[in-house]
PDB file of N, CA and C in Angstrom:
ATOM      1  N   MET A   1      81.051  57.544 101.912  1.00  0.00           N
ATOM      2  CA  MET A   1      79.938  57.544 102.791  1.00  0.00           C
ATOM      3  C   MET A   1      80.821  57.561 104.268  1.00  0.00           C
ATOM      4  N   LEU A   2      82.197  56.734 104.428  1.00  0.00           N
ATOM      5  CA  LEU A   2      82.714  57.109 105.429  1.00  0.00           C
ATOM      6  C   LEU A   2      83.384  58.304 105.801  1.00  0.00           C
ATOM      7  N   ALA A   3      83.715  58.960 104.871  1.00  0.00           N
ATOM      8  CA  ALA A   3      84.422  60.343 105.039  1.00  0.00           C
ATOM      9  C   ALA A   3      83.190  61.381 105.352  1.00  0.00           C
ATOM     10  N   TRP A   4      81.762  61.117 105.228  1.00  0.00           N
ATOM     11  CA  TRP A   4      80.766  61.804 105.694  1.00  0.00           C
ATOM     12  C   TRP A   4      80.444  61.550 107.120  1.00  0.00           C
ATOM     13  N   ILE A   5      80.829  60.292 107.601  1.00  0.00           N
ATOM     14  CA  ILE A   5      80.790  60.079 108.865  1.00  0.00           C
ATOM     15  C   ILE A   5      81.810  60.552 109.781  1.00  0.00           C
ATOM     16  N   HIS A   6      82.934  60.616 108.974  1.00  0.00           N
ATOM     17  CA  HIS A   6      83.994  61.048 109.573  1.00  0.00           C
ATOM     18  C   HIS A   6      83.751  62.784 110.102  1.00  0.00           C
ATOM     19  N   LEU A   7      83.400  63.417 108.914  1.00  0.00           N
ATOM     20  CA  LEU A   7      82.683  64.748 108.984  1.00  0.00           C
ATOM     21  C   LEU A   7      81.906  64.905 110.102  1.00  0.00           C
ATOM     22  N   LEU A   8      80.949  64.146 110.119  1.00  0.00           N
ATOM     23  CA  LEU A   8      79.932  64.128 111.308  1.00  0.00           C
ATOM     24  C   LEU A   8      80.336  64.131 112.589  1.00  0.00           C
ATOM     25  N   ILE A   9      81.355  63.241 112.564  1.00  0.00           N
ATOM     26  CA  ILE A   9      81.741  62.917 114.112  1.00  0.00           C
ATOM     27  C   ILE A   9      83.043  64.347 114.627  1.00  0.00           C
ATOM     28  N   ALA A  10      83.542  64.602 113.344  1.00  0.00           N
ATOM     29  CA  ALA A  10      84.393  66.007 113.637  1.00  0.00           C
ATOM     30  C   ALA A  10      83.596  67.083 114.029  1.00  0.00           C
ATOM     31  N   GLY A  11      82.277  67.310 113.313  1.00  0.00           N
ATOM     32  CA  GLY A  11      81.424  68.295 113.889  1.00  0.00           C
ATOM     33  C   GLY A  11      80.713  68.312 115.046  1.00  0.00           C
ATOM     34  N   LEU A  12      80.680  66.922 115.583  1.00  0.00           N
ATOM     35  CA  LEU A  12      80.066  66.966 116.765  1.00  0.00           C
ATOM     36  C   LEU A  12      81.341  67.268 117.994  1.00  0.00           C
ATOM     37  N   PHE A  13      82.421  66.851 117.719  1.00  0.00           N
ATOM     38  CA  PHE A  13      83.551  67.180 118.499  1.00  0.00           C
ATOM     39  C   PHE A  13      83.690  68.607 118.445  1.00  0.00           C
ATOM     40  N   GLU A  14      83.434  69.399 117.419  1.00  0.00           N
ATOM     41  CA  GLU A  14      83.779  70.598 117.210  1.00  0.00           C
ATOM     42  C   GLU A  14      82.689  71.518 118.213  1.00  0.00           C
ATOM     43  N   ILE A  15      81.611  70.879 118.451  1.00  0.00           N
ATOM     44  CA  ILE A  15      80.787  71.358 119.457  1.00  0.00           C
ATOM     45  C   ILE A  15      81.494  71.450 120.920  1.00  0.00           C
ATOM     46  N   GLY A  16      82.403  70.623 121.244  1.00  0.00           N
ATOM     47  CA  GLY A  16      82.745  70.069 122.416  1.00  0.00           C
ATOM     48  C   GLY A  16      83.539  71.039 123.079  1.00  0.00           C
ATOM     49  N   TRP A  17      84.396  71.613 122.175  1.00  0.00           N
ATOM     50  CA  TRP A  17      85.450  72.678 122.797  1.00  0.00           C
ATOM     51  C   TRP A  17      85.010  73.736 123.114  1.00  0.00           C
ATOM     52  N   PRO A  18      83.642  74.465 122.452  1.00  0.00           N
ATOM     53  CA  PRO A  18      83.287  75.938 123.036  1.00  0.00           C
ATOM     54  C   PRO A  18      82.271  75.584 124.371  1.00  0.00           C
ATOM     55  N   LEU A  19      81.721  74.147 124.556  1.00  0.00           N
ATOM     56  CA  LEU A  19      81.444  74.050 125.685  1.00  0.00           C
ATOM     57  C   LEU A  19      82.090  73.804 126.628  1.00  0.00           C
ATOM     58  N   GLY A  20      83.335  73.018 126.419  1.00  0.00           N
ATOM     59  CA  GLY A  20      84.221  73.040 127.590  1.00  0.00           C
ATOM     60  C   GLY A  20      84.787  74.458 128.105  1.00  0.00           C
ATOM     61  N   LEU A  21      84.970  75.180 127.038  1.00  0.00           N
ATOM     62  CA  LEU A  21      85.729  76.656 127.460  1.00  0.00           C
ATOM     63  C   LEU A  21      84.745  77.462 127.920  1.00  0.00           C
ATOM     64  N   LYS A  22      83.262  77.244 127.956  1.00  0.00           N
ATOM     65  CA  LYS A  22      82.201  77.853 128.850  1.00  0.00           C
ATOM     66  C   LYS A  22      81.994  77.517 130.112  1.00  0.00           C
ATOM     67  N   TYR A  23      81.990  76.265 130.092  1.00  0.00           N
ATOM     68  CA  TYR A  23      81.941  75.335 131.402  1.00  0.00           C
ATOM     69  C   TYR A  23      83.310  76.125 132.316  1.00  0.00           C
ATOM     70  N   PHE A  24      84.428  75.953 131.823  1.00  0.00           N
ATOM     71  CA  PHE A  24      85.463  76.574 132.281  1.00  0.00           C
ATOM     72  C   PHE A  24      85.607  77.759 132.772  1.00  0.00           C
ATOM     73  N   GLU A  25      85.062  78.585 132.137  1.00  0.00           N
ATOM     74  CA  GLU A  25      84.681  80.057 132.416  1.00  0.00           C
ATOM     75  C   GLU A  25      83.720  80.348 133.513  1.00  0.00           C
ATOM     76  N   LYS A  26      82.918  79.142 133.535  1.00  0.00           N
ATOM     77  CA  LYS A  26      81.813  79.518 134.544  1.00  0.00           C
ATOM     78  C   LYS A  26      82.291  78.844 135.841  1.00  0.00           C
ATOM     79  N   GLN A  27      82.738  77.637 135.777  1.00  0.00           N
ATOM     80  CA  GLN A  27      83.068  76.785 137.198  1.00  0.00           C
ATOM     81  C   GLN A  27      84.603  77.058 137.513  1.00  0.00           C
ATOM     82  N   GLY A  28      85.592  77.441 136.372  1.00  0.00           N
ATOM     83  CA  GLY A  28      87.116  77.357 136.784  1.00  0.00           C
ATOM     84  C   GLY A  28      87.386  76.223 137.075  1.00  0.00           C
ATOM     85  N   GLN A  29      87.202  75.075 136.472  1.00  0.00           N
ATOM     86  CA  GLN A  29      87.408  73.797 136.751  1.00  0.00           C
ATOM     87  C   GLN A  29      88.432  73.350 135.539  1.00  0.00           C
ATOM     88  N   THR A  30      89.766  72.888 135.724  1.00  0.00           N
ATOM     89  CA  THR A  30      90.673  72.820 134.765  1.00  0.00           C
ATOM     90  C   THR A  30      90.047  71.433 134.049  1.00  0.00           C
ATOM     91  N   VAL A  31      89.413  70.677 134.376  1.00  0.00           N
ATOM     92  CA  VAL A  31      88.950  69.268 133.638  1.00  0.00           C
ATOM     93  C   VAL A  31      88.218  69.908 132.301  1.00  0.00           C
ATOM     94  N   PHE A  32      87.441  71.111 132.654  1.00  0.00           N
ATOM     95  CA  PHE A  32      86.536  71.443 131.352  1.00  0.00           C
ATOM     96  C   PHE A  32      87.645  72.113 130.227  1.00  0.00           C
ATOM     97  N   LEU A  33      88.598  72.575 130.732  1.00  0.00           N
ATOM     98  CA  LEU A  33      89.833  73.135 129.683  1.00  0.00           C
ATOM     99  C   LEU A  33      90.347  71.971 129.156  1.00  0.00           C
ATOM    100  N   LEU A  34      90.793  70.790 129.889  1.00  0.00           N
ATOM    101  CA  LEU A  34      91.170  69.743 129.450  1.00  0.00           C
ATOM    102  C   LEU A  34      90.305  69.041 128.307  1.00  0.00           C
ATOM    103  N   LEU A  35      89.068  69.119 128.596  1.00  0.00           N
ATOM    104  CA  LEU A  35      87.787  68.502 127.866  1.00  0.00           C
ATOM    105  C   LEU A  35      87.875  69.185 126.608  1.00  0.00           C
ATOM    106  N   ALA A  36      87.975  70.565 126.670  1.00  0.00           N
ATOM    107  CA  ALA A  36      87.966  71.490 125.336  1.00  0.00           C
ATOM    108  C   ALA A  36      89.043  71.258 124.460  1.00  0.00           C
ATOM    109  N   VAL A  37      90.375  71.167 125.104  1.00  0.00           N
ATOM    110  CA  VAL A  37      91.769  70.750 124.246  1.00  0.00           C
ATOM    111  C   VAL A  37      91.596  69.462 123.436  1.00  0.00           C
ATOM    112  N   VAL A  38      90.902  68.281 124.181  1.00  0.00           N
ATOM    113  CA  VAL A  38      90.857  66.954 123.849  1.00  0.00           C
ATOM    114  C   VAL A  38      89.858  66.894 122.661  1.00  0.00           C
ATOM    115  N   SER A  39      88.523  67.687 122.932  1.00  0.00           N
ATOM    116  CA  SER A  39      87.579  67.803 121.841  1.00  0.00           C
ATOM    117  C   SER A  39      88.273  68.533 120.505  1.00  0.00           C
ATOM    118  N   MET A  40      89.084  69.586 120.662  1.00  0.00           N
ATOM    119  CA  MET A  40      89.871  70.441 119.434  1.00  0.00           C
ATOM    120  C   MET A  40      90.482  69.049 118.761  1.00  0.00           C
ATOM    121  N   GLY A  41      91.417  68.874 119.306  1.00  0.00           N
ATOM    122  CA  GLY A  41      92.102  67.450 118.710  1.00  0.00           C
ATOM    123  C   GLY A  41      91.607  66.491 118.032  1.00  0.00           C
ATOM    124  N   ILE A  42      90.373  66.014 118.810  1.00  0.00           N
ATOM    125  CA  ILE A  42      89.600  64.817 118.121  1.00  0.00           C
ATOM    126  C   ILE A  42      88.910  65.357 116.794  1.00  0.00           C
ATOM    127  N   SER A  43      88.350  66.586 116.805  1.00  0.00           N
ATOM    128  CA  SER A  43      87.718  67.173 115.788  1.00  0.00           C
ATOM    129  C   SER A  43      88.798  67.296 114.724  1.00  0.00           C
ATOM    130  N   GLY A  44      89.456  67.880 114.886  1.00  0.00           N
ATOM    131  CA  GLY A  44      90.758  68.159 113.985  1.00  0.00           C
ATOM    132  C   GLY A  44      91.186  66.924 113.222  1.00  0.00           C
ATOM    133  N   TYR A  45      91.375  65.713 113.924  1.00  0.00           N
ATOM    134  CA  TYR A  45      91.680  64.333 113.407  1.00  0.00           C
ATOM    135  C   TYR A  45      90.662  63.814 112.417  1.00  0.00           C
ATOM    136  N   PHE A  46      89.496  63.958 112.971  1.00  0.00           N
ATOM    137  CA  PHE A  46      88.491  63.498 111.939  1.00  0.00           C
ATOM    138  C   PHE A  46      88.124  64.445 110.890  1.00  0.00           C
ATOM    139  N   LEU A  47      88.412  65.641 111.015  1.00  0.00           N
ATOM    140  CA  LEU A  47      88.202  66.564 109.761  1.00  0.00           C
ATOM    141  C   LEU A  47      89.522  66.076 108.868  1.00  0.00           C
ATOM    142  N   ILE A  48      90.362  65.623 109.100  1.00  0.00           N
ATOM    143  CA  ILE A  48      91.445  65.316 108.296  1.00  0.00           C
ATOM    144  C   ILE A  48      91.211  64.097 107.378  1.00  0.00           C
ATOM    145  N   LEU A  49      90.815  63.079 108.388  1.00  0.00           N
ATOM    146  CA  LEU A  49      90.235  62.000 107.612  1.00  0.00           C
ATOM    147  C   LEU A  49      89.287  62.286 106.423  1.00  0.00           C
ATOM    148  N   ALA A  50      88.181  63.297 106.914  1.00  0.00           N
ATOM    149  CA  ALA A  50      86.924  63.415 106.129  1.00  0.00           C
ATOM    150  C   ALA A  50      87.627  64.040 104.777  1.00  0.00           C
ATOM    151  N   GLN A  51      88.743  65.018 104.793  1.00  0.00           N
ATOM    152  CA  GLN A  51      89.332  65.635 103.738  1.00  0.00           C
ATOM    153  C   GLN A  51      89.961  65.056 102.754  1.00  0.00           C
ATOM    154  N   ARG A  52      90.147  63.483 103.102  1.00  0.00           N
ATOM    155  CA  ARG A  52      90.953  62.772 102.085  1.00  0.00           C
ATOM    156  C   ARG A  52      90.182  62.467 101.003  1.00  0.00           C
ATOM    157  N   SER A  53      88.364  62.612 101.046  1.00  0.00           N
ATOM    158  CA  SER A  53      87.645  62.198 100.163  1.00  0.00           C
ATOM    159  C   SER A  53      86.669  63.460  99.867  1.00  0.00           C
ATOM    160  N   ILE A  54      86.454  64.525 100.807  1.00  0.00           N
ATOM    161  CA  ILE A  54      85.556  65.495 100.566  1.00  0.00           C
ATOM    162  C   ILE A  54      86.768  66.683 100.292  1.00  0.00           C
ATOM    163  N   PRO A  55      86.151  67.492  99.285  1.00  0.00           N
ATOM    164  CA  PRO A  55      86.665  68.827  99.236  1.00  0.00           C
ATOM    165  C   PRO A  55      86.843  69.673 100.311  1.00  0.00           C
ATOM    166  N   ILE A  56      87.879  70.337 100.534  1.00  0.00           N
ATOM    167  CA  ILE A  56      88.521  71.295 101.702  1.00  0.00           C
ATOM    168  C   ILE A  56      87.486  72.080 101.796  1.00  0.00           C
ATOM    169  N   GLY A  57      86.981  72.804 100.646  1.00  0.00           N
ATOM    170  CA  GLY A  57      86.098  73.890 101.038  1.00  0.00           C
ATOM    171  C   GLY A  57      84.660  73.481 101.654  1.00  0.00           C
ATOM    172  N   THR A  58      84.286  72.247 100.963  1.00  0.00           N
ATOM    173  CA  THR A  58      83.031  71.701 101.543  1.00  0.00           C
ATOM    174  C   THR A  58      83.223  71.014 102.880  1.00  0.00           C
ATOM    175  N   ALA A  59      84.035  70.311 103.226  1.00  0.00           N
ATOM    176  CA  ALA A  59      84.467  69.768 104.517  1.00  0.00           C
ATOM    177  C   ALA A  59      84.435  71.072 105.543  1.00  0.00           C
ATOM    178  N   TYR A  60      85.275  72.118 105.375  1.00  0.00           N
ATOM    179  CA  TYR A  60      85.226  73.080 106.338  1.00  0.00           C
ATOM    180  C   TYR A  60      83.854  73.676 106.651  1.00  0.00           C
ATOM    181  N   ALA A  61      83.293  73.982 105.306  1.00  0.00           N
ATOM    182  CA  ALA A  61      81.779  74.561 105.750  1.00  0.00           C
ATOM    183  C   ALA A  61      81.013  74.014 106.614  1.00  0.00           C
ATOM    184  N   VAL A  62      80.886  72.592 106.160  1.00  0.00           N
ATOM    185  CA  VAL A  62      79.930  71.563 106.804  1.00  0.00           C
ATOM    186  C   VAL A  62      80.408  71.299 108.370  1.00  0.00           C
ATOM    187  N   TRP A  63      81.731  71.213 108.633  1.00  0.00           N
ATOM    188  CA  TRP A  63      82.489  71.255 109.843  1.00  0.00           C
ATOM    189  C   TRP A  63      81.976  72.485 110.837  1.00  0.00           C
ATOM    190  N   THR A  64      82.368  73.509 110.261  1.00  0.00           N
ATOM    191  CA  THR A  64      81.929  74.467 111.071  1.00  0.00           C
ATOM    192  C   THR A  64      80.415  74.913 111.069  1.00  0.00           C
ATOM    193  N   GLY A  65      79.692  74.405 110.263  1.00  0.00           N
ATOM    194  CA  GLY A  65      78.068  74.546 110.254  1.00  0.00           C
ATOM    195  C   GLY A  65      77.548  73.758 111.264  1.00  0.00           C
ATOM    196  N   ILE A  66      78.147  72.432 111.413  1.00  0.00           N
ATOM    197  CA  ILE A  66      77.615  71.379 112.480  1.00  0.00           C
ATOM    198  C   ILE A  66      78.034  72.237 113.767  1.00  0.00           C
ATOM    199  N   GLY A  67      79.266  72.639 113.868  1.00  0.00           N
ATOM    200  CA  GLY A  67      79.649  73.134 115.197  1.00  0.00           C
ATOM    201  C   GLY A  67      78.877  74.484 115.268  1.00  0.00           C
ATOM    202  N   ALA A  68      78.652  75.141 114.927  1.00  0.00           N
ATOM    203  CA  ALA A  68      77.656  76.249 114.881  1.00  0.00           C
ATOM    204  C   ALA A  68      76.523  76.048 115.263  1.00  0.00           C
ATOM    205  N   VAL A  69      75.742  75.326 114.600  1.00  0.00           N
ATOM    206  CA  VAL A  69      74.253  74.779 114.846  1.00  0.00           C
ATOM    207  C   VAL A  69      74.319  73.940 116.071  1.00  0.00           C
ATOM    208  N   GLY A  70      75.074  73.338 116.416  1.00  0.00           N
ATOM    209  CA  GLY A  70      75.140  72.677 117.819  1.00  0.00           C
ATOM    210  C   GLY A  70      75.502  73.285 118.812  1.00  0.00           C
ATOM    211  N   THR A  71      76.402  74.022 118.600  1.00  0.00           N
ATOM    212  CA  THR A  71      76.728  75.048 120.005  1.00  0.00           C
ATOM    213  C   THR A  71      75.684  76.076 120.053  1.00  0.00           C
ATOM    214  N   PHE A  72      74.808  76.625 118.998  1.00  0.00           N
ATOM    215  CA  PHE A  72      73.786  77.328 119.152  1.00  0.00           C
ATOM    216  C   PHE A  72      72.725  76.539 119.942  1.00  0.00           C
ATOM    217  N   MET A  73      72.520  75.509 119.606  1.00  0.00           N
ATOM    218  CA  MET A  73      71.358  74.849 120.144  1.00  0.00           C
ATOM    219  C   MET A  73      71.716  74.496 121.691  1.00  0.00           C
ATOM    220  N   LEU A  74      72.761  74.085 122.031  1.00  0.00           N
ATOM    221  CA  LEU A  74      73.129  73.535 123.314  1.00  0.00           C
ATOM    222  C   LEU A  74      73.119  74.998 124.209  1.00  0.00           C
ATOM    223  N   GLY A  75      73.660  76.051 123.488  1.00  0.00           N
ATOM    224  CA  GLY A  75      73.739  77.550 124.249  1.00  0.00           C
ATOM    225  C   GLY A  75      72.404  77.714 124.569  1.00  0.00           C
ATOM    226  N   VAL A  76      71.515  77.514 123.792  1.00  0.00           N
ATOM    227  CA  VAL A  76      70.076  77.950 124.204  1.00  0.00           C
ATOM    228  C   VAL A  76      69.272  77.149 125.260  1.00  0.00           C
ATOM    229  N   TYR A  77      69.610  75.997 125.238  1.00  0.00           N
ATOM    230  CA  TYR A  77      69.339  74.716 126.190  1.00  0.00           C
ATOM    231  C   TYR A  77      69.935  74.694 127.406  1.00  0.00           C
ATOM    232  N   LEU A  78      71.384  74.773 127.440  1.00  0.00           N
ATOM    233  CA  LEU A  78      72.220  74.806 128.726  1.00  0.00           C
ATOM    234  C   LEU A  78      72.472  76.132 129.429  1.00  0.00           C
ATOM    235  N   PHE A  79      72.376  76.971 128.825  1.00  0.00           N
ATOM    236  CA  PHE A  79      72.966  78.602 129.165  1.00  0.00           C
ATOM    237  C   PHE A  79      72.067  79.311 129.095  1.00  0.00           C
ATOM    238  N   GLY A  80      70.617  79.220 128.510  1.00  0.00           N
ATOM    239  CA  GLY A  80      69.560  80.093 128.592  1.00  0.00           C
ATOM    240  C   GLY A  80      69.982  81.368 127.508  1.00  0.00           C
ATOM    241  N   ASP A  81      70.500  80.978 126.437  1.00  0.00           N
ATOM    242  CA  ASP A  81      71.077  82.213 125.481  1.00  0.00           C
ATOM    243  C   ASP A  81      69.750  82.385 124.709  1.00  0.00           C
ATOM    244  N   LEU A  82      69.713  83.351 124.021  1.00  0.00           N
ATOM    245  CA  LEU A  82      68.355  84.128 123.545  1.00  0.00           C
ATOM    246  C   LEU A  82      68.004  83.192 122.565  1.00  0.00           C
ATOM    247  N   LEU A  83      66.689  82.944 122.254  1.00  0.00           N
ATOM    248  CA  LEU A  83      66.234  82.015 121.166  1.00  0.00           C
ATOM    249  C   LEU A  83      65.254  82.956 120.416  1.00  0.00           C
ATOM    250  N   SER A  84      65.514  83.579 119.490  1.00  0.00           N
ATOM    251  CA  SER A  84      64.647  84.541 118.716  1.00  0.00           C
ATOM    252  C   SER A  84      64.236  84.188 117.199  1.00  0.00           C
ATOM    253  N   THR A  85      63.162  84.742 116.480  1.00  0.00           N
ATOM    254  CA  THR A  85      62.716  84.321 115.281  1.00  0.00           C
ATOM    255  C   THR A  85      64.037  84.524 114.349  1.00  0.00           C
ATOM    256  N   LEU A  86      64.572  85.583 114.467  1.00  0.00           N
ATOM    257  CA  LEU A  86      66.022  85.831 113.618  1.00  0.00           C
ATOM    258  C   LEU A  86      66.922  85.013 113.866  1.00  0.00           C
ATOM    259  N   ARG A  87      67.116  84.866 114.916  1.00  0.00           N
ATOM    260  CA  ARG A  87      68.410  83.684 115.387  1.00  0.00           C
ATOM    261  C   ARG A  87      68.141  82.454 114.647  1.00  0.00           C
ATOM    262  N   CYS A  88      66.679  82.096 114.937  1.00  0.00           N
ATOM    263  CA  CYS A  88      66.300  80.668 114.111  1.00  0.00           C
ATOM    264  C   CYS A  88      66.329  80.823 112.929  1.00  0.00           C
ATOM    265  N   CYS A  89      66.019  81.736 112.055  1.00  0.00           N
ATOM    266  CA  CYS A  89      66.281  81.919 110.662  1.00  0.00           C
ATOM    267  C   CYS A  89      67.728  81.737 110.572  1.00  0.00           C
ATOM    268  N   GLY A  90      68.562  82.352 111.156  1.00  0.00           N
ATOM    269  CA  GLY A  90      70.028  82.299 110.898  1.00  0.00           C
ATOM    270  C   GLY A  90      70.737  80.883 110.640  1.00  0.00           C
ATOM    271  N   ILE A  91      70.020  80.099 111.835  1.00  0.00           N
ATOM    272  CA  ILE A  91      70.646  78.649 112.178  1.00  0.00           C
ATOM    273  C   ILE A  91      69.886  77.897 110.819  1.00  0.00           C
ATOM    274  N   LEU A  92      68.449  78.196 110.449  1.00  0.00           N
ATOM    275  CA  LEU A  92      67.915  77.509 109.415  1.00  0.00           C
ATOM    276  C   LEU A  92      68.786  77.513 108.266  1.00  0.00           C
ATOM    277  N   LEU A  93      69.444  78.868 107.816  1.00  0.00           N
ATOM    278  CA  LEU A  93      70.241  79.180 106.751  1.00  0.00           C
ATOM    279  C   LEU A  93      71.247  78.231 106.780  1.00  0.00           C
ATOM    280  N   ILE A  94      72.096  78.205 107.897  1.00  0.00           N
ATOM    281  CA  ILE A  94      73.332  77.429 107.995  1.00  0.00           C
ATOM    282  C   ILE A  94      72.955  76.051 107.765  1.00  0.00           C
ATOM    283  N   LEU A  95      71.948  75.247 108.232  1.00  0.00           N
ATOM    284  CA  LEU A  95      71.482  74.321 107.918  1.00  0.00           C
ATOM    285  C   LEU A  95      71.210  73.942 106.408  1.00  0.00           C
ATOM    286  N   ALA A  96      70.474  74.857 105.811  1.00  0.00           N
ATOM    287  CA  ALA A  96      70.338  74.637 104.459  1.00  0.00           C
ATOM    288  C   ALA A  96      71.620  74.672 103.720  1.00  0.00           C
ATOM    289  N   GLY A  97      72.560  75.662 104.013  1.00  0.00           N
ATOM    290  CA  GLY A  97      73.797  75.512 103.338  1.00  0.00           C
ATOM    291  C   GLY A  97      74.414  74.184 103.431  1.00  0.00           C
ATOM    292  N   ILE A  98      74.532  73.430 104.524  1.00  0.00           N
ATOM    293  CA  ILE A  98      75.145  72.181 104.794  1.00  0.00           C
ATOM    294  C   ILE A  98      74.511  71.268 104.058  1.00  0.00           C
ATOM    295  N   VAL A  99      73.127  71.257 104.162  1.00  0.00           N
ATOM    296  CA  VAL A  99      72.101  70.134 103.340  1.00  0.00           C
ATOM    297  C   VAL A  99      72.603  70.376 101.554  1.00  0.00           C
ATOM    298  N   LEU A 100      72.733  71.795 101.105  1.00  0.00           N
ATOM    299  CA  LEU A 100      72.928  72.241 100.016  1.00  0.00           C
ATOM    300  C   LEU A 100      74.424  71.278  99.449  1.00  0.00           C
ATOM    301  N   LEU A 101      75.485  71.778 100.720  1.00  0.00           N
ATOM    302  CA  LEU A 101      76.838  71.186 100.232  1.00  0.00           C
ATOM    303  C   LEU A 101      76.892  69.638  99.997  1.00  0.00           C
ATOM    304  N   LYS A 102      76.080  69.108 100.870  1.00  0.00           N
ATOM    305  CA  LYS A 102      76.401  67.311 100.946  1.00  0.00           C
ATOM    306  C   LYS A 102      75.531  67.226  99.428  1.00  0.00           C
ATOM    307  N   VAL A 103      74.335  67.571  99.138  1.00  0.00           N
ATOM    308  CA  VAL A 103      73.570  67.191  97.939  1.00  0.00           C
ATOM    309  C   VAL A 103      74.454  67.628  96.681  1.00  0.00           C
ATOM    310  N   ALA A 104      75.169  68.666  96.786  1.00  0.00           N
ATOM    311  CA  ALA A 104      76.177  69.263  95.371  1.00  0.00           C
ATOM    312  C   ALA A 104      77.182  68.078  95.217  1.00  0.00           C
TER     313      ALA A 104
END
């Protein structure tokens, strides 16, 4: 169970680095670039911990899935990214894949 908690933490920090890069691109403040790099490091560290018990393929897919879904949702909320039926269907398919990997 702890490995899955590590993987969830890794996935949440996986969301942090694209956000940091986006804010850096928009505002040009170095602190956002630094936050992106730190987020990458923390995400990678917790992914390593998770892979001690979770197969690498499963861990990687769930990690990137959490990052993709979270980044998508925050992109819509914070940056006004397009929210369409097809895009929502795509995100739901990613979520379904994450659930299936956890169950399997």
